[in-house]
Amino acid sequence: MFLKNINHKIYPKLLDRSSLMFDGSIPFLVFNFYTKTHKLVPSPYFNLLSKSKEKLHKEIFKLYEKGIGYKTIHKELVEKGYKIGKSPTCIDSIIKKRIKRNEFLNQPVVEGYKDFDILFYKVNSIS
């Protein structure tokens, strides 16, 4: 079977309930499906943290949520024996990167349908 697009002048005749003509045309509902997502992009944010880094990040954010600054957090982590960089700005970098990672991973996925139309195709038989 071969499908050919039929003339658009017979749309009103085909859709009129009082005089429905059948000339071998088949109606097809066509539409566009769109999606806006971040999940199709390869990103290092999808990689899981090691257990030691996860433990360090939990401790950093536990202190950060109490309202403690990054310099004080660095001092406390060094006193507790965590392996952390010598500069307090490494804590600031970890906080900023973790916030950016959470924003990226928690983006909404938008999906929907649009541009609905009915197309009529005429069926030709193979002989």
N, C-alpha and C. Protein backbone atom coordinates (compact mmCIF):
# COMPACT_ATOMS: atom_id res chain seq x y z
N MET A 1 0.82 -1.18 0.00
CA MET A 1 0.00 0.00 0.00
C MET A 1 0.87 1.25 0.00
N PHE A 2 0.56 2.17 -0.87
CA PHE A 2 1.26 3.44 -0.89
C PHE A 2 0.31 4.53 -0.41
N LEU A 3 0.83 5.46 0.40
CA LEU A 3 0.01 6.55 0.90
C LEU A 3 0.42 7.84 0.22
N LYS A 4 -0.57 8.58 -0.27
CA LYS A 4 -0.32 9.88 -0.88
C LYS A 4 -1.20 10.91 -0.19
N ASN A 5 -0.69 12.09 -0.03
CA ASN A 5 -1.45 13.17 0.58
C ASN A 5 -2.54 13.61 -0.40
N ILE A 6 -3.78 13.67 0.06
CA ILE A 6 -4.88 14.05 -0.82
C ILE A 6 -5.07 15.56 -0.82
N ASN A 7 -5.86 16.03 -1.72
CA ASN A 7 -6.12 17.45 -1.88
C ASN A 7 -6.85 18.00 -0.66
N HIS A 8 -6.42 19.16 -0.17
CA HIS A 8 -7.01 19.77 1.02
C HIS A 8 -8.38 20.38 0.74
N LYS A 9 -8.82 20.46 -0.52
CA LYS A 9 -10.12 21.04 -0.84
C LYS A 9 -11.28 20.15 -0.38
N ILE A 10 -11.03 18.87 -0.17
CA ILE A 10 -12.13 17.99 0.25
C ILE A 10 -12.20 17.83 1.76
N TYR A 11 -11.38 18.57 2.54
CA TYR A 11 -11.51 18.55 4.00
C TYR A 11 -12.93 18.81 4.46
N PRO A 12 -13.55 19.92 4.02
CA PRO A 12 -14.92 20.19 4.51
C PRO A 12 -15.90 19.08 4.15
N LYS A 13 -15.76 18.50 2.97
CA LYS A 13 -16.68 17.44 2.55
C LYS A 13 -16.49 16.18 3.41
N LEU A 14 -15.25 15.85 3.74
CA LEU A 14 -15.00 14.65 4.53
C LEU A 14 -15.45 14.81 5.98
N LEU A 15 -15.37 16.01 6.50
CA LEU A 15 -15.74 16.24 7.89
C LEU A 15 -17.21 16.59 8.08
N ASP A 16 -17.95 16.85 6.99
CA ASP A 16 -19.37 17.17 7.08
C ASP A 16 -20.14 15.90 7.40
N ARG A 17 -20.88 15.91 8.53
CA ARG A 17 -21.59 14.71 8.98
C ARG A 17 -22.74 14.32 8.06
N SER A 18 -23.36 15.30 7.39
CA SER A 18 -24.53 14.98 6.58
C SER A 18 -24.16 14.27 5.29
N SER A 19 -22.98 14.54 4.78
CA SER A 19 -22.59 13.87 3.54
C SER A 19 -21.16 13.39 3.63
N LEU A 20 -20.97 12.28 4.29
CA LEU A 20 -19.63 11.73 4.47
C LEU A 20 -19.27 10.90 3.25
N MET A 21 -18.20 11.32 2.59
CA MET A 21 -17.74 10.59 1.41
C MET A 21 -16.56 9.73 1.81
N PHE A 22 -16.49 8.56 1.25
CA PHE A 22 -15.31 7.73 1.46
C PHE A 22 -14.71 7.44 0.11
N ASP A 23 -13.51 7.97 -0.08
CA ASP A 23 -12.83 7.77 -1.35
C ASP A 23 -11.52 7.01 -1.16
N GLY A 24 -11.43 6.23 -0.09
CA GLY A 24 -10.22 5.49 0.18
C GLY A 24 -9.22 6.27 1.01
N SER A 25 -9.64 7.43 1.53
CA SER A 25 -8.74 8.24 2.35
C SER A 25 -8.83 7.80 3.81
N ILE A 26 -7.69 7.84 4.47
CA ILE A 26 -7.63 7.47 5.88
C ILE A 26 -7.17 8.69 6.67
N PRO A 27 -7.94 9.09 7.71
CA PRO A 27 -7.51 10.25 8.51
C PRO A 27 -6.45 9.83 9.53
N PHE A 28 -5.44 10.67 9.69
CA PHE A 28 -4.39 10.46 10.68
C PHE A 28 -4.30 11.68 11.57
N LEU A 29 -4.27 11.46 12.86
CA LEU A 29 -4.06 12.53 13.82
C LEU A 29 -2.55 12.69 13.99
N VAL A 30 -2.06 13.89 13.71
CA VAL A 30 -0.63 14.15 13.85
C VAL A 30 -0.43 15.28 14.85
N PHE A 31 0.67 15.22 15.57
CA PHE A 31 0.99 16.23 16.57
C PHE A 31 2.48 16.20 16.84
N ASN A 32 2.95 17.23 17.53
CA ASN A 32 4.35 17.30 17.95
C ASN A 32 4.40 17.13 19.46
N PHE A 33 5.30 16.28 19.90
CA PHE A 33 5.55 16.11 21.32
C PHE A 33 6.86 16.82 21.63
N TYR A 34 6.86 17.69 22.62
CA TYR A 34 8.09 18.39 22.97
C TYR A 34 8.44 18.11 24.42
N THR A 35 9.73 18.14 24.68
CA THR A 35 10.22 17.95 26.04
C THR A 35 11.43 18.84 26.26
N LYS A 36 11.50 19.43 27.42
CA LYS A 36 12.65 20.24 27.81
C LYS A 36 13.19 19.61 29.08
N THR A 37 14.38 19.00 28.97
CA THR A 37 14.93 18.27 30.09
C THR A 37 16.44 18.45 30.18
N HIS A 38 16.96 18.26 31.34
CA HIS A 38 18.40 18.31 31.57
C HIS A 38 19.00 16.90 31.62
N LYS A 39 18.16 15.90 31.56
CA LYS A 39 18.62 14.53 31.76
C LYS A 39 19.30 13.92 30.54
N LEU A 40 19.23 14.58 29.39
CA LEU A 40 19.85 14.04 28.18
C LEU A 40 21.26 14.58 27.95
N VAL A 41 21.70 15.48 28.81
CA VAL A 41 23.01 16.10 28.68
C VAL A 41 24.00 15.34 29.56
N PRO A 42 25.12 14.89 28.99
CA PRO A 42 26.12 14.25 29.85
C PRO A 42 26.72 15.29 30.78
N SER A 43 26.71 15.02 32.06
CA SER A 43 27.18 15.98 33.03
C SER A 43 27.89 15.27 34.18
N PRO A 44 28.93 15.89 34.70
CA PRO A 44 29.59 15.28 35.87
C PRO A 44 28.71 15.31 37.11
N TYR A 45 27.63 16.09 37.08
CA TYR A 45 26.73 16.15 38.23
C TYR A 45 26.02 14.82 38.47
N PHE A 46 25.93 13.98 37.44
CA PHE A 46 25.27 12.68 37.60
C PHE A 46 26.17 11.66 38.28
N ASN A 47 27.47 11.93 38.37
CA ASN A 47 28.39 11.00 39.04
C ASN A 47 28.18 11.07 40.55
N LEU A 48 28.21 9.93 41.19
CA LEU A 48 28.04 9.89 42.64
C LEU A 48 29.35 10.23 43.33
N LEU A 49 29.24 10.82 44.51
CA LEU A 49 30.43 11.15 45.29
C LEU A 49 30.92 9.91 46.04
N SER A 50 32.22 9.87 46.32
CA SER A 50 32.75 8.77 47.12
C SER A 50 32.22 8.90 48.55
N LYS A 51 32.32 7.83 49.33
CA LYS A 51 31.79 7.85 50.70
C LYS A 51 32.48 8.90 51.56
N SER A 52 33.80 9.05 51.39
CA SER A 52 34.52 10.04 52.20
C SER A 52 34.11 11.47 51.83
N LYS A 53 33.93 11.73 50.53
CA LYS A 53 33.49 13.06 50.11
C LYS A 53 32.05 13.32 50.54
N GLU A 54 31.22 12.30 50.46
CA GLU A 54 29.82 12.45 50.89
C GLU A 54 29.76 12.80 52.38
N LYS A 55 30.58 12.13 53.17
CA LYS A 55 30.62 12.41 54.61
C LYS A 55 31.10 13.83 54.87
N LEU A 56 32.14 14.26 54.13
CA LEU A 56 32.67 15.62 54.26
C LEU A 56 31.61 16.65 53.87
N HIS A 57 30.93 16.43 52.76
CA HIS A 57 29.90 17.38 52.30
C HIS A 57 28.74 17.46 53.29
N LYS A 58 28.34 16.33 53.85
CA LYS A 58 27.27 16.35 54.85
C LYS A 58 27.67 17.19 56.06
N GLU A 59 28.91 17.03 56.49
CA GLU A 59 29.39 17.81 57.64
C GLU A 59 29.45 19.30 57.30
N ILE A 60 29.94 19.61 56.10
CA ILE A 60 30.01 21.02 55.68
C ILE A 60 28.62 21.64 55.66
N PHE A 61 27.65 20.96 55.08
CA PHE A 61 26.30 21.54 54.96
C PHE A 61 25.55 21.53 56.29
N LYS A 62 25.90 20.62 57.17
CA LYS A 62 25.30 20.66 58.51
C LYS A 62 25.72 21.95 59.21
N LEU A 63 26.99 22.29 59.10
CA LEU A 63 27.48 23.53 59.71
C LEU A 63 27.01 24.77 58.93
N TYR A 64 26.95 24.66 57.61
CA TYR A 64 26.53 25.79 56.77
C TYR A 64 25.07 26.17 57.05
N GLU A 65 24.23 25.16 57.26
CA GLU A 65 22.81 25.43 57.53
C GLU A 65 22.59 26.05 58.91
N LYS A 66 23.58 25.91 59.80
CA LYS A 66 23.50 26.58 61.10
C LYS A 66 23.87 28.05 61.00
N GLY A 67 24.34 28.48 59.82
CA GLY A 67 24.69 29.88 59.61
C GLY A 67 26.15 30.18 59.84
N ILE A 68 26.99 29.17 59.92
CA ILE A 68 28.42 29.36 60.15
C ILE A 68 29.09 29.69 58.82
N GLY A 69 30.05 30.60 58.81
CA GLY A 69 30.78 30.99 57.60
C GLY A 69 31.78 29.94 57.18
N TYR A 70 32.26 30.07 55.95
CA TYR A 70 33.14 29.04 55.42
C TYR A 70 34.50 29.00 56.11
N LYS A 71 34.99 30.13 56.62
CA LYS A 71 36.28 30.13 57.32
C LYS A 71 36.18 29.38 58.65
N THR A 72 35.08 29.58 59.36
CA THR A 72 34.87 28.89 60.63
C THR A 72 34.64 27.40 60.38
N ILE A 73 33.92 27.08 59.33
CA ILE A 73 33.70 25.67 58.97
C ILE A 73 35.05 25.00 58.70
N HIS A 74 35.92 25.69 57.98
CA HIS A 74 37.24 25.13 57.68
C HIS A 74 38.02 24.85 58.97
N LYS A 75 38.00 25.79 59.90
CA LYS A 75 38.69 25.59 61.18
C LYS A 75 38.16 24.37 61.92
N GLU A 76 36.84 24.24 61.98
CA GLU A 76 36.22 23.11 62.70
C GLU A 76 36.56 21.78 62.04
N LEU A 77 36.55 21.74 60.72
CA LEU A 77 36.86 20.49 60.01
C LEU A 77 38.32 20.08 60.22
N VAL A 78 39.21 21.06 60.22
CA VAL A 78 40.63 20.75 60.46
C VAL A 78 40.81 20.22 61.88
N GLU A 79 40.10 20.84 62.84
CA GLU A 79 40.19 20.38 64.23
C GLU A 79 39.64 18.97 64.39
N LYS A 80 38.60 18.63 63.62
CA LYS A 80 38.00 17.29 63.72
C LYS A 80 38.81 16.24 62.95
N GLY A 81 39.82 16.68 62.19
CA GLY A 81 40.68 15.73 61.50
C GLY A 81 40.26 15.37 60.09
N TYR A 82 39.38 16.13 59.48
CA TYR A 82 38.99 15.87 58.08
C TYR A 82 40.13 16.26 57.15
N LYS A 83 40.30 15.49 56.08
CA LYS A 83 41.30 15.83 55.08
C LYS A 83 40.66 16.86 54.14
N ILE A 84 41.14 18.08 54.27
CA ILE A 84 40.57 19.19 53.51
C ILE A 84 41.72 20.08 53.08
N GLY A 85 41.54 20.89 52.06
CA GLY A 85 42.57 21.79 51.56
C GLY A 85 43.04 22.77 52.62
N LYS A 86 44.22 23.34 52.40
CA LYS A 86 44.82 24.25 53.38
C LYS A 86 44.09 25.59 53.44
N SER A 87 43.49 26.00 52.34
CA SER A 87 42.84 27.30 52.28
C SER A 87 41.35 27.18 52.62
N PRO A 88 40.83 28.13 53.39
CA PRO A 88 39.40 28.10 53.70
C PRO A 88 38.50 28.30 52.48
N THR A 89 39.07 28.87 51.41
CA THR A 89 38.24 29.09 50.22
C THR A 89 37.81 27.78 49.55
N CYS A 90 38.50 26.68 49.87
CA CYS A 90 38.06 25.39 49.30
C CYS A 90 36.67 25.03 49.83
N ILE A 91 36.36 25.41 51.06
CA ILE A 91 35.02 25.16 51.62
C ILE A 91 34.00 26.00 50.89
N ASP A 92 34.36 27.27 50.63
CA ASP A 92 33.46 28.15 49.89
C ASP A 92 33.18 27.58 48.50
N SER A 93 34.22 27.05 47.84
CA SER A 93 34.05 26.45 46.51
C SER A 93 33.15 25.22 46.57
N ILE A 94 33.34 24.39 47.59
CA ILE A 94 32.50 23.19 47.74
C ILE A 94 31.04 23.59 47.91
N ILE A 95 30.78 24.60 48.73
CA ILE A 95 29.41 25.05 48.97
C ILE A 95 28.78 25.57 47.69
N LYS A 96 29.50 26.43 46.96
CA LYS A 96 28.96 27.00 45.72
C LYS A 96 28.70 25.91 44.67
N LYS A 97 29.65 24.98 44.53
CA LYS A 97 29.49 23.92 43.53
C LYS A 97 28.35 22.99 43.90
N ARG A 98 28.19 22.71 45.18
CA ARG A 98 27.11 21.81 45.61
C ARG A 98 25.74 22.46 45.39
N ILE A 99 25.64 23.76 45.65
CA ILE A 99 24.38 24.48 45.40
C ILE A 99 24.07 24.48 43.91
N LYS A 100 25.08 24.73 43.07
CA LYS A 100 24.88 24.72 41.62
C LYS A 100 24.47 23.32 41.14
N ARG A 101 25.07 22.28 41.70
CA ARG A 101 24.74 20.89 41.35
C ARG A 101 23.28 20.59 41.70
N ASN A 102 22.86 21.00 42.90
CA ASN A 102 21.47 20.76 43.31
C ASN A 102 20.48 21.50 42.44
N GLU A 103 20.82 22.72 42.03
CA GLU A 103 19.94 23.47 41.12
C GLU A 103 19.83 22.76 39.78
N PHE A 104 20.95 22.24 39.27
CA PHE A 104 20.94 21.53 37.99
C PHE A 104 20.11 20.26 38.06
N LEU A 105 20.31 19.47 39.11
CA LEU A 105 19.64 18.18 39.23
C LEU A 105 18.16 18.30 39.57
N ASN A 106 17.74 19.43 40.11
CA ASN A 106 16.34 19.60 40.51
C ASN A 106 15.54 20.48 39.56
N GLN A 107 16.01 20.62 38.33
CA GLN A 107 15.27 21.38 37.34
C GLN A 107 13.99 20.63 36.97
N PRO A 108 12.92 21.36 36.69
CA PRO A 108 11.70 20.68 36.26
C PRO A 108 11.83 20.18 34.81
N VAL A 109 11.19 19.06 34.54
CA VAL A 109 11.12 18.52 33.19
C VAL A 109 9.78 18.97 32.61
N VAL A 110 9.82 19.68 31.47
CA VAL A 110 8.61 20.21 30.85
C VAL A 110 8.30 19.36 29.62
N GLU A 111 7.08 18.84 29.56
CA GLU A 111 6.66 18.02 28.42
C GLU A 111 5.28 18.45 27.99
N GLY A 112 4.97 18.25 26.72
CA GLY A 112 3.63 18.58 26.25
C GLY A 112 3.44 18.22 24.79
N TYR A 113 2.21 18.40 24.34
CA TYR A 113 1.82 18.14 22.96
C TYR A 113 1.38 19.46 22.35
N LYS A 114 1.68 19.66 21.05
CA LYS A 114 1.22 20.86 20.38
C LYS A 114 1.07 20.59 18.89
N ASP A 115 0.50 21.54 18.19
CA ASP A 115 0.32 21.49 16.73
C ASP A 115 -0.47 20.25 16.29
N PHE A 116 -1.66 20.08 16.84
CA PHE A 116 -2.52 18.97 16.43
C PHE A 116 -3.09 19.25 15.05
N ASP A 117 -3.21 18.23 14.22
CA ASP A 117 -3.79 18.38 12.89
C ASP A 117 -4.30 17.01 12.44
N ILE A 118 -5.19 17.03 11.46
CA ILE A 118 -5.67 15.79 10.85
C ILE A 118 -5.20 15.79 9.41
N LEU A 119 -4.49 14.76 9.02
CA LEU A 119 -4.05 14.60 7.63
C LEU A 119 -4.77 13.42 7.02
N PHE A 120 -5.21 13.60 5.79
CA PHE A 120 -5.90 12.53 5.08
C PHE A 120 -4.96 11.99 4.01
N TYR A 121 -4.81 10.68 3.98
CA TYR A 121 -3.99 10.03 3.00
C TYR A 121 -4.86 9.08 2.19
N LYS A 122 -4.64 9.10 0.88
CA LYS A 122 -5.39 8.23 0.00
C LYS A 122 -4.64 6.91 -0.16
N VAL A 123 -5.36 5.81 -0.08
CA VAL A 123 -4.76 4.49 -0.16
C VAL A 123 -4.82 4.01 -1.60
N ASN A 124 -3.68 3.70 -2.14
CA ASN A 124 -3.61 3.11 -3.48
C ASN A 124 -3.22 1.66 -3.33
N SER A 125 -3.90 0.79 -4.01
CA SER A 125 -3.57 -0.63 -3.90
C SER A 125 -2.45 -0.99 -4.87
N ILE A 126 -1.68 -1.99 -4.49
CA ILE A 126 -0.60 -2.47 -5.34
C ILE A 126 -1.18 -3.53 -6.26
N SER A 127 -1.02 -3.34 -7.54
CA SER A 127 -1.56 -4.31 -8.50
C SER A 127 -0.50 -4.79 -9.46
